[in-house]
Amino acid sequence: MTDQITCGACSSICSTCSIIASNCTKCVGAYLYNYNCVTKCPNNYYPDANLTCQVCTSTVTACNVPPLTYKLVSYSKNGRLYGILTFNRATYMDTSRIRQIVNISIPGLSPSQYTWTASQLNQTSYQIDINALVSLN
């Protein structure tokens, strides 16, 4: 008797699959969730070391950290423009990392007309000092 099973290629998002091409068992550049490849694990799930979405429990550290959010309030005092950037939890980063997360723009000025730096005030807040390269009058 010969084997009547024919192997087919997995769908392009699966690195391995089972039974049918879209039934992923491992993903390419994505997380595995219920035999599907997803760009992020759904709420109340976290990616394990094998990039498989697992159900959160109270003992899983990755599930107990809220997403990083921020609020930026701008001020002008004595002709000086600055802002206070406040994150929802303790964070430590330098100006270059903050630039990757926060888009600071000044109405009426192009990014080439000002520079800014950040200095940490406390565990959750940074002062953003803005240096306009043109007159703000």
Protein backbone atom coordinates (compact mmCIF):
# COMPACT_ATOMS: atom_id res chain seq x y z
CA MET A 1 0.00 0.00 0.00
CA THR A 2 1.29 3.43 -0.82
CA ASP A 3 0.88 6.62 1.14
CA GLN A 4 -1.93 8.71 -0.35
CA ILE A 5 -1.07 11.91 1.55
CA THR A 6 0.36 14.76 -0.52
CA CYS A 7 2.27 17.53 1.20
CA GLY A 8 1.56 21.07 0.05
CA ALA A 9 3.28 24.37 0.73
CA CYS A 10 2.21 26.44 3.73
CA SER A 11 0.79 29.92 3.15
CA SER A 12 3.48 32.63 2.95
CA ILE A 13 2.78 33.87 6.49
CA CYS A 14 3.41 30.44 8.02
CA SER A 15 6.88 29.00 8.46
CA THR A 16 5.20 25.66 9.30
CA CYS A 17 1.60 24.55 9.05
CA SER A 18 -0.63 21.56 9.73
CA ILE A 19 -3.41 19.89 7.75
CA ILE A 20 -4.13 22.90 5.49
CA ALA A 21 -1.85 25.67 4.20
CA SER A 22 -3.40 28.41 6.35
CA ASN A 23 -3.33 26.41 9.61
CA CYS A 24 -0.04 27.84 10.93
CA THR A 25 2.01 26.17 13.63
CA LYS A 26 4.87 28.75 13.39
CA CYS A 27 4.91 32.20 11.82
CA VAL A 28 7.27 34.31 9.74
CA GLY A 29 7.89 37.69 11.46
CA ALA A 30 4.64 37.47 13.45
CA TYR A 31 3.08 35.90 16.55
CA LEU A 32 1.12 32.65 16.52
CA TYR A 33 -2.39 32.91 17.94
CA ASN A 34 -5.01 30.16 17.43
CA TYR A 35 -3.21 28.81 14.34
CA ASN A 36 -3.12 32.30 12.79
CA CYS A 37 -0.21 34.70 12.42
CA VAL A 38 -0.86 38.11 13.98
CA THR A 39 1.22 41.31 14.23
CA LYS A 40 0.62 41.51 18.00
CA CYS A 41 -0.98 39.30 20.58
CA PRO A 42 -4.57 40.25 21.49
CA ASN A 43 -5.50 41.84 24.83
CA ASN A 44 -4.89 39.53 27.78
CA TYR A 45 -2.27 37.53 25.85
CA TYR A 46 1.51 37.88 25.72
CA PRO A 47 4.15 36.49 23.35
CA ASP A 48 6.34 33.76 24.85
CA ALA A 49 9.93 33.01 23.85
CA ASN A 50 8.65 30.97 20.86
CA LEU A 51 6.54 33.95 19.64
CA THR A 52 3.33 32.14 20.52
CA CYS A 53 0.54 34.13 22.20
CA GLN A 54 -0.17 32.79 25.68
CA VAL A 55 -3.01 33.69 28.05
CA CYS A 56 -2.01 36.22 30.72
CA THR A 57 -2.03 35.27 34.36
CA SER A 58 -1.35 37.42 37.41
CA THR A 59 2.17 35.97 37.67
CA VAL A 60 3.27 36.95 34.15
CA THR A 61 5.26 40.21 34.35
CA ALA A 62 4.67 41.06 30.66
CA CYS A 63 0.93 41.19 31.33
CA ASN A 64 1.15 43.56 34.28
CA VAL A 65 2.84 46.50 32.54
CA PRO A 66 0.49 49.06 30.99
CA PRO A 67 1.32 50.32 27.48
CA LEU A 68 3.50 53.43 27.49
CA THR A 69 1.44 56.56 26.89
CA TYR A 70 2.32 60.23 27.32
CA LYS A 71 0.94 63.75 27.55
CA LEU A 72 2.83 66.84 26.42
CA VAL A 73 1.85 70.27 27.73
CA SER A 74 3.62 73.30 26.23
CA TYR A 75 4.43 76.55 28.03
CA SER A 76 5.84 79.93 27.10
CA LYS A 77 7.44 82.04 29.80
CA ASN A 78 9.60 85.16 29.33
CA GLY A 79 9.98 84.40 25.62
CA ARG A 80 11.13 80.87 26.37
CA LEU A 81 9.23 77.93 24.88
CA TYR A 82 9.28 74.60 26.71
CA GLY A 83 7.09 71.62 27.47
CA ILE A 84 6.52 69.07 30.18
CA LEU A 85 6.30 65.51 28.87
CA THR A 86 4.67 63.09 31.30
CA PHE A 87 4.51 59.32 30.80
CA ASN A 88 1.95 57.07 32.48
CA ARG A 89 4.67 55.05 34.22
CA ALA A 90 8.32 55.32 35.21
CA THR A 91 10.63 55.43 32.22
CA TYR A 92 14.26 56.29 31.64
CA MET A 93 15.35 57.45 28.20
CA ASP A 94 17.54 59.99 26.50
CA THR A 95 16.55 62.66 23.97
CA SER A 96 17.20 60.38 20.98
CA ARG A 97 14.84 57.71 22.33
CA ILE A 98 12.17 60.32 23.11
CA ARG A 99 12.48 61.59 19.51
CA GLN A 100 11.51 58.08 18.32
CA ILE A 101 8.35 58.09 20.45
CA VAL A 102 7.14 61.70 20.56
CA ASN A 103 6.48 63.95 17.58
CA ILE A 104 7.10 67.52 18.70
CA SER A 105 5.98 70.16 16.23
CA ILE A 106 5.58 73.92 16.54
CA PRO A 107 2.79 75.54 14.50
CA GLY A 108 4.22 77.93 11.91
CA LEU A 109 7.75 76.51 12.10
CA SER A 110 9.36 73.74 10.10
CA PRO A 111 11.50 71.21 12.00
CA SER A 112 14.62 72.85 10.53
CA GLN A 113 13.74 76.08 12.38
CA TYR A 114 14.02 74.69 15.91
CA THR A 115 15.83 72.11 18.00
CA TRP A 116 14.87 70.51 21.28
CA THR A 117 16.38 68.53 24.11
CA ALA A 118 14.87 66.61 26.98
CA SER A 119 16.00 66.47 30.59
CA GLN A 120 14.46 64.17 33.15
CA LEU A 121 12.56 65.83 36.01
CA ASN A 122 11.47 62.68 37.88
CA GLN A 123 10.59 59.02 37.15
CA THR A 124 7.71 59.90 34.82
CA SER A 125 8.39 63.44 33.56
CA TYR A 126 10.81 65.25 31.27
CA GLN A 127 11.27 68.93 30.49
CA ILE A 128 11.49 69.63 26.77
CA ASP A 129 13.58 72.73 26.08
CA ILE A 130 12.91 74.22 22.65
CA ASN A 131 15.42 76.47 20.91
CA ALA A 132 13.89 78.38 17.97
CA LEU A 133 16.47 79.22 15.31
CA VAL A 134 14.26 82.05 14.03
CA SER A 135 12.44 84.89 15.76
CA LEU A 136 9.03 83.88 17.13
CA ASN A 137 7.68 87.45 16.72
